Amino acid sequence: MNFQFLCGCLVFVYAIIAWTSFINMMASGNKPDYAWLAPIVCFYTAASVLYPFFILVYMNITRKSRQFYPKTIYLFK
């Protein structure tokens, strides 16, 4: 749940940065250059693969899953 929230926030921030950059470049008459997004996409992809793998290994070693999987939220009583 924390991982999904983190990834959602990162995608939102990256989208705001990309759209702001795109609008500014188009307004000034320049062709947009997205080369600066390549390291961000690589980092995001690596984090999407490595973080869950790390959590799986840690949970397997310590046998503690409550730290990473909280109790469900009760919507109705």
N, C-alpha and C. Protein backbone atom coordinates (compact mmCIF):
# COMPACT_ATOMS: atom_id res chain seq x y z
N MET A 1 0.82 -1.18 0.00
CA MET A 1 0.00 0.00 0.00
C MET A 1 0.88 1.26 0.00
N ASN A 2 1.93 1.26 0.78
CA ASN A 2 2.84 2.40 0.80
C ASN A 2 3.55 2.54 -0.55
N PHE A 3 3.91 1.41 -1.16
CA PHE A 3 4.59 1.44 -2.44
C PHE A 3 3.69 2.02 -3.53
N GLN A 4 2.42 1.64 -3.53
CA GLN A 4 1.49 2.17 -4.51
C GLN A 4 1.30 3.67 -4.32
N PHE A 5 1.23 4.12 -3.09
CA PHE A 5 1.10 5.54 -2.82
C PHE A 5 2.34 6.30 -3.28
N LEU A 6 3.51 5.76 -2.99
CA LEU A 6 4.77 6.38 -3.41
C LEU A 6 4.84 6.49 -4.93
N CYS A 7 4.55 5.42 -5.63
CA CYS A 7 4.60 5.43 -7.09
C CYS A 7 3.57 6.39 -7.67
N GLY A 8 2.39 6.43 -7.10
CA GLY A 8 1.37 7.37 -7.57
C GLY A 8 1.81 8.81 -7.41
N CYS A 9 2.42 9.12 -6.28
CA CYS A 9 2.90 10.49 -6.05
C CYS A 9 4.04 10.84 -7.00
N LEU A 10 4.95 9.91 -7.22
CA LEU A 10 6.06 10.18 -8.14
C LEU A 10 5.57 10.40 -9.56
N VAL A 11 4.64 9.59 -10.01
CA VAL A 11 4.11 9.77 -11.36
C VAL A 11 3.40 11.11 -11.48
N PHE A 12 2.66 11.51 -10.47
CA PHE A 12 1.98 12.80 -10.49
C PHE A 12 2.97 13.95 -10.58
N VAL A 13 4.02 13.91 -9.76
CA VAL A 13 5.03 14.98 -9.78
C VAL A 13 5.75 15.01 -11.13
N TYR A 14 6.12 13.84 -11.66
CA TYR A 14 6.80 13.80 -12.95
C TYR A 14 5.90 14.31 -14.06
N ALA A 15 4.62 14.00 -13.99
CA ALA A 15 3.68 14.48 -15.01
C ALA A 15 3.56 16.00 -14.97
N ILE A 16 3.49 16.57 -13.78
CA ILE A 16 3.42 18.03 -13.66
C ILE A 16 4.68 18.67 -14.23
N ILE A 17 5.85 18.12 -13.91
CA ILE A 17 7.11 18.66 -14.43
C ILE A 17 7.16 18.55 -15.95
N ALA A 18 6.77 17.40 -16.49
CA ALA A 18 6.81 17.20 -17.93
C ALA A 18 5.86 18.13 -18.66
N TRP A 19 4.63 18.27 -18.17
CA TRP A 19 3.65 19.14 -18.83
C TRP A 19 4.07 20.61 -18.73
N THR A 20 4.61 21.02 -17.60
CA THR A 20 5.07 22.39 -17.46
C THR A 20 6.22 22.66 -18.43
N SER A 21 7.15 21.73 -18.53
CA SER A 21 8.26 21.87 -19.47
C SER A 21 7.76 21.90 -20.91
N PHE A 22 6.83 21.03 -21.23
CA PHE A 22 6.28 20.97 -22.59
C PHE A 22 5.58 22.28 -22.95
N ILE A 23 4.77 22.80 -22.05
CA ILE A 23 4.04 24.05 -22.32
C ILE A 23 5.01 25.21 -22.48
N ASN A 24 6.02 25.29 -21.62
CA ASN A 24 7.00 26.38 -21.72
C ASN A 24 7.79 26.31 -23.03
N MET A 25 8.19 25.12 -23.43
CA MET A 25 8.95 24.98 -24.68
C MET A 25 8.09 25.30 -25.89
N MET A 26 6.84 24.87 -25.89
CA MET A 26 5.96 25.16 -27.02
C MET A 26 5.63 26.64 -27.09
N ALA A 27 5.50 27.29 -25.94
CA ALA A 27 5.20 28.73 -25.92
C ALA A 27 6.37 29.55 -26.44
N SER A 28 7.58 29.07 -26.22
CA SER A 28 8.75 29.81 -26.69
C SER A 28 9.12 29.43 -28.13
N GLY A 29 8.41 28.50 -28.72
CA GLY A 29 8.66 28.12 -30.10
C GLY A 29 9.71 27.05 -30.28
N ASN A 30 10.19 26.47 -29.21
CA ASN A 30 11.20 25.42 -29.28
C ASN A 30 10.55 24.05 -29.36
N LYS A 31 11.28 23.11 -29.92
CA LYS A 31 10.82 21.72 -29.94
C LYS A 31 11.11 21.10 -28.58
N PRO A 32 10.14 20.42 -27.98
CA PRO A 32 10.36 19.84 -26.64
C PRO A 32 11.48 18.79 -26.65
N ASP A 33 12.28 18.80 -25.61
CA ASP A 33 13.37 17.85 -25.44
C ASP A 33 13.15 17.09 -24.14
N TYR A 34 12.95 15.80 -24.26
CA TYR A 34 12.64 14.99 -23.08
C TYR A 34 13.82 14.12 -22.65
N ALA A 35 15.02 14.47 -23.06
CA ALA A 35 16.19 13.68 -22.68
C ALA A 35 16.41 13.67 -21.18
N TRP A 36 16.00 14.71 -20.49
CA TRP A 36 16.19 14.78 -19.04
C TRP A 36 15.27 13.82 -18.30
N LEU A 37 14.23 13.31 -18.98
CA LEU A 37 13.33 12.36 -18.33
C LEU A 37 13.88 10.93 -18.30
N ALA A 38 14.86 10.63 -19.14
CA ALA A 38 15.39 9.26 -19.22
C ALA A 38 15.93 8.77 -17.88
N PRO A 39 16.75 9.53 -17.14
CA PRO A 39 17.22 9.03 -15.84
C PRO A 39 16.07 8.84 -14.84
N ILE A 40 15.08 9.70 -14.91
CA ILE A 40 13.94 9.57 -13.99
C ILE A 40 13.16 8.30 -14.28
N VAL A 41 12.93 8.02 -15.57
CA VAL A 41 12.20 6.81 -15.95
C VAL A 41 13.00 5.57 -15.57
N CYS A 42 14.31 5.61 -15.76
CA CYS A 42 15.15 4.47 -15.38
C CYS A 42 15.11 4.24 -13.87
N PHE A 43 15.19 5.31 -13.10
CA PHE A 43 15.13 5.19 -11.64
C PHE A 43 13.77 4.63 -11.20
N TYR A 44 12.71 5.14 -11.79
CA TYR A 44 11.36 4.69 -11.44
C TYR A 44 11.19 3.21 -11.77
N THR A 45 11.68 2.79 -12.92
CA THR A 45 11.57 1.38 -13.32
C THR A 45 12.38 0.49 -12.39
N ALA A 46 13.60 0.93 -12.06
CA ALA A 46 14.42 0.14 -11.14
C ALA A 46 13.77 0.05 -9.76
N ALA A 47 13.21 1.15 -9.28
CA ALA A 47 12.54 1.13 -7.98
C ALA A 47 11.30 0.24 -8.01
N SER A 48 10.59 0.22 -9.11
CA SER A 48 9.39 -0.61 -9.24
C SER A 48 9.73 -2.09 -9.21
N VAL A 49 10.92 -2.44 -9.62
CA VAL A 49 11.33 -3.85 -9.63
C VAL A 49 12.06 -4.22 -8.33
N LEU A 50 12.98 -3.38 -7.91
CA LEU A 50 13.83 -3.74 -6.77
C LEU A 50 13.16 -3.60 -5.41
N TYR A 51 12.32 -2.59 -5.22
CA TYR A 51 11.70 -2.38 -3.91
C TYR A 51 10.79 -3.55 -3.52
N PRO A 52 9.87 -4.00 -4.37
CA PRO A 52 9.07 -5.17 -3.97
C PRO A 52 9.92 -6.42 -3.75
N PHE A 53 10.97 -6.59 -4.54
CA PHE A 53 11.86 -7.73 -4.35
C PHE A 53 12.55 -7.67 -2.99
N PHE A 54 13.02 -6.49 -2.60
CA PHE A 54 13.64 -6.30 -1.30
C PHE A 54 12.65 -6.61 -0.17
N ILE A 55 11.42 -6.16 -0.30
CA ILE A 55 10.40 -6.42 0.71
C ILE A 55 10.11 -7.92 0.81
N LEU A 56 10.04 -8.60 -0.32
CA LEU A 56 9.81 -10.05 -0.30
C LEU A 56 10.94 -10.78 0.42
N VAL A 57 12.17 -10.43 0.13
CA VAL A 57 13.31 -11.08 0.77
C VAL A 57 13.31 -10.78 2.27
N TYR A 58 13.07 -9.52 2.63
CA TYR A 58 13.06 -9.14 4.05
C TYR A 58 11.95 -9.86 4.81
N MET A 59 10.75 -9.94 4.20
CA MET A 59 9.65 -10.65 4.86
C MET A 59 9.94 -12.13 4.99
N ASN A 60 10.62 -12.70 4.02
CA ASN A 60 10.95 -14.12 4.07
C ASN A 60 11.98 -14.40 5.17
N ILE A 61 12.92 -13.50 5.36
CA ILE A 61 13.94 -13.70 6.38
C ILE A 61 13.39 -13.46 7.79
N THR A 62 12.66 -12.37 7.99
CA THR A 62 12.20 -12.01 9.33
C THR A 62 10.83 -12.57 9.69
N ARG A 63 10.08 -13.02 8.70
CA ARG A 63 8.72 -13.54 8.91
C ARG A 63 7.78 -12.48 9.51
N LYS A 64 8.03 -11.21 9.20
CA LYS A 64 7.18 -10.11 9.66
C LYS A 64 6.52 -9.46 8.44
N SER A 65 5.23 -9.57 8.35
CA SER A 65 4.54 -8.96 7.21
C SER A 65 3.68 -7.78 7.63
N ARG A 66 3.41 -7.61 8.90
CA ARG A 66 2.54 -6.52 9.35
C ARG A 66 3.15 -5.15 9.12
N GLN A 67 4.46 -5.07 9.10
CA GLN A 67 5.12 -3.79 8.89
C GLN A 67 4.85 -3.27 7.48
N PHE A 68 4.71 -4.14 6.51
CA PHE A 68 4.56 -3.73 5.12
C PHE A 68 3.12 -3.84 4.63
N TYR A 69 2.32 -4.65 5.29
CA TYR A 69 0.92 -4.81 4.90
C TYR A 69 0.04 -4.45 6.10
N PRO A 70 -0.41 -3.21 6.17
CA PRO A 70 -1.22 -2.79 7.32
C PRO A 70 -2.60 -3.42 7.29
N LYS A 71 -3.29 -3.32 8.42
CA LYS A 71 -4.66 -3.82 8.50
C LYS A 71 -5.53 -3.02 7.53
N THR A 72 -6.58 -3.64 7.07
CA THR A 72 -7.47 -2.96 6.14
C THR A 72 -8.23 -1.86 6.85
N ILE A 73 -8.64 -0.87 6.10
CA ILE A 73 -9.40 0.25 6.65
C ILE A 73 -10.87 -0.10 6.61
N TYR A 74 -11.53 0.04 7.73
CA TYR A 74 -12.94 -0.27 7.78
C TYR A 74 -13.76 0.91 7.28
N LEU A 75 -14.50 0.70 6.21
CA LEU A 75 -15.35 1.77 5.67
C LEU A 75 -16.73 1.76 6.32
N PHE A 76 -17.19 0.58 6.63
CA PHE A 76 -18.51 0.44 7.24
C PHE A 76 -18.38 -0.30 8.55
N LYS A 77 -19.13 0.13 9.54
CA LYS A 77 -19.09 -0.54 10.85
C LYS A 77 -20.22 -1.52 10.98
